[in-house]
Amino acid sequence: QQQKVVESAVRANIQALAAEQKRNVHETSTLHDMLALVREVCATKDNELSRAQADAAAAKHELTEKEETLLNEIAKNEKQLSHTRAHALHLLQEHRRRSTSSGGGGGEGGEG
């Protein structure tokens, strides 16, 4: 009688372990599926990030080139402005010299 009770308990334990193993296999399969999905999303995000970084690098390069162009234009314009100022100053001095040598302050009024 006692042997039958033990055998019955052993069978119940085996059935419980089999059911638990079945659940574990199912859970493991689900977790593997989720892991594959997460890896796929990560790969997609990595690709998106790489593209965004490449775009940013290209934009930075383009901006650097534009900045160099603008700095060159500024330098050229400043040089031209300096030359124009010097020329204007020379013309002004020439005008003053002529007006003083041509008979005093009356020379400027005759131009109007």
Protein backbone atom coordinates (compact mmCIF):
# COMPACT_ATOMS: atom_id res chain seq x y z
CA GLN A 1 0.00 0.00 0.00
CA GLN A 2 2.77 2.40 0.93
CA GLN A 3 4.58 1.59 -2.32
CA LYS A 4 1.48 2.60 -4.32
CA VAL A 5 1.34 5.94 -2.47
CA VAL A 6 5.01 6.56 -3.25
CA GLU A 7 4.58 5.58 -6.90
CA SER A 8 1.54 7.86 -7.16
CA ALA A 9 3.51 10.74 -5.62
CA VAL A 10 6.43 10.09 -7.97
CA ARG A 11 4.06 10.07 -10.99
CA ALA A 12 2.50 13.34 -9.81
CA ASN A 13 5.96 14.87 -9.41
CA ILE A 14 6.97 13.67 -12.89
CA GLN A 15 3.80 15.14 -14.40
CA ALA A 16 4.38 18.44 -12.56
CA LEU A 17 7.99 18.54 -13.75
CA ALA A 18 6.92 17.74 -17.33
CA ALA A 19 4.34 20.55 -17.23
CA GLU A 20 6.95 22.96 -15.81
CA GLN A 21 9.45 21.93 -18.48
CA LYS A 22 6.83 22.53 -21.18
CA ARG A 23 6.19 26.02 -19.76
CA ASN A 24 9.94 26.70 -19.62
CA VAL A 25 10.41 25.62 -23.24
CA HIS A 26 7.55 27.88 -24.31
CA GLU A 27 8.95 30.82 -22.29
CA THR A 28 12.43 30.26 -23.70
CA SER A 29 11.05 30.22 -27.23
CA THR A 30 9.14 33.46 -26.57
CA LEU A 31 12.26 35.08 -25.10
CA HIS A 32 14.31 34.03 -28.14
CA ASP A 33 11.70 35.60 -30.42
CA MET A 34 11.76 38.81 -28.38
CA LEU A 35 15.57 38.84 -28.42
CA ALA A 36 15.59 38.47 -32.21
CA LEU A 37 13.14 41.37 -32.49
CA VAL A 38 15.26 43.56 -30.18
CA ARG A 39 18.40 42.74 -32.20
CA GLU A 40 16.59 43.63 -35.42
CA VAL A 41 15.44 46.97 -33.99
CA CYS A 42 18.97 47.69 -32.71
CA ALA A 43 20.46 46.93 -36.13
CA THR A 44 17.93 49.27 -37.77
CA LYS A 45 18.70 52.01 -35.25
CA ASP A 46 22.46 51.51 -35.76
CA ASN A 47 21.99 51.95 -39.51
CA GLU A 48 19.87 55.07 -38.98
CA LEU A 49 22.48 56.47 -36.61
CA SER A 50 25.30 55.76 -39.06
CA ARG A 51 23.38 57.51 -41.84
CA ALA A 52 22.64 60.48 -39.59
CA GLN A 53 26.31 60.73 -38.57
CA ALA A 54 27.39 60.59 -42.22
CA ASP A 55 24.85 63.31 -43.10
CA ALA A 56 26.06 65.44 -40.20
CA ALA A 57 29.69 65.03 -41.26
CA ALA A 58 28.81 66.02 -44.83
CA ALA A 59 26.86 69.05 -43.60
CA LYS A 60 29.75 70.08 -41.35
CA HIS A 61 32.18 69.78 -44.26
CA GLU A 62 29.88 71.88 -46.45
CA LEU A 63 29.54 74.53 -43.74
CA THR A 64 33.32 74.61 -43.27
CA GLU A 65 33.78 75.20 -47.00
CA LYS A 66 31.14 77.96 -46.97
CA GLU A 67 32.81 79.54 -43.93
CA GLU A 68 36.18 79.55 -45.71
CA THR A 69 34.59 81.12 -48.80
CA LEU A 70 32.91 83.80 -46.67
CA LEU A 71 36.12 84.54 -44.76
CA ASN A 72 37.98 84.91 -48.07
CA GLU A 73 35.27 87.25 -49.38
CA ILE A 74 35.40 89.29 -46.17
CA ALA A 75 39.19 89.59 -46.41
CA LYS A 76 38.93 90.62 -50.10
CA ASN A 77 36.22 93.19 -49.29
CA GLU A 78 38.21 94.61 -46.37
CA LYS A 79 41.26 94.94 -48.61
CA GLN A 80 39.17 96.64 -51.30
CA LEU A 81 37.59 98.94 -48.70
CA SER A 82 41.01 99.87 -47.37
CA HIS A 83 42.19 100.62 -50.91
CA THR A 84 39.05 102.69 -51.60
CA ARG A 85 39.53 104.67 -48.37
CA ALA A 86 43.16 105.36 -49.23
CA HIS A 87 42.15 106.49 -52.73
CA ALA A 88 39.36 108.71 -51.34
CA LEU A 89 41.78 110.24 -48.84
CA HIS A 90 44.26 110.88 -51.63
CA LEU A 91 41.56 112.57 -53.75
CA LEU A 92 40.48 114.67 -50.79
CA GLN A 93 44.06 115.76 -50.10
CA GLU A 94 44.55 116.52 -53.80
CA HIS A 95 41.36 118.59 -53.83
CA ARG A 96 42.42 120.53 -50.73
CA ARG A 97 45.88 121.13 -52.17
CA ARG A 98 44.40 122.48 -55.44
CA SER A 99 41.87 124.67 -53.70
CA THR A 100 44.47 126.24 -51.41
CA SER A 101 46.97 126.80 -54.23
CA SER A 102 44.36 128.30 -56.57
CA GLY A 103 43.66 131.34 -54.46
CA GLY A 104 42.50 130.60 -50.98
CA GLY A 105 39.11 129.48 -49.72
CA GLY A 106 37.14 130.77 -52.74
CA GLY A 107 38.05 127.79 -54.88
CA GLU A 108 35.59 125.42 -53.25
CA GLY A 109 32.57 127.65 -53.79
CA GLY A 110 33.07 127.84 -57.54
CA GLU A 111 32.29 124.16 -58.09
CA GLY A 112 28.60 124.25 -57.14
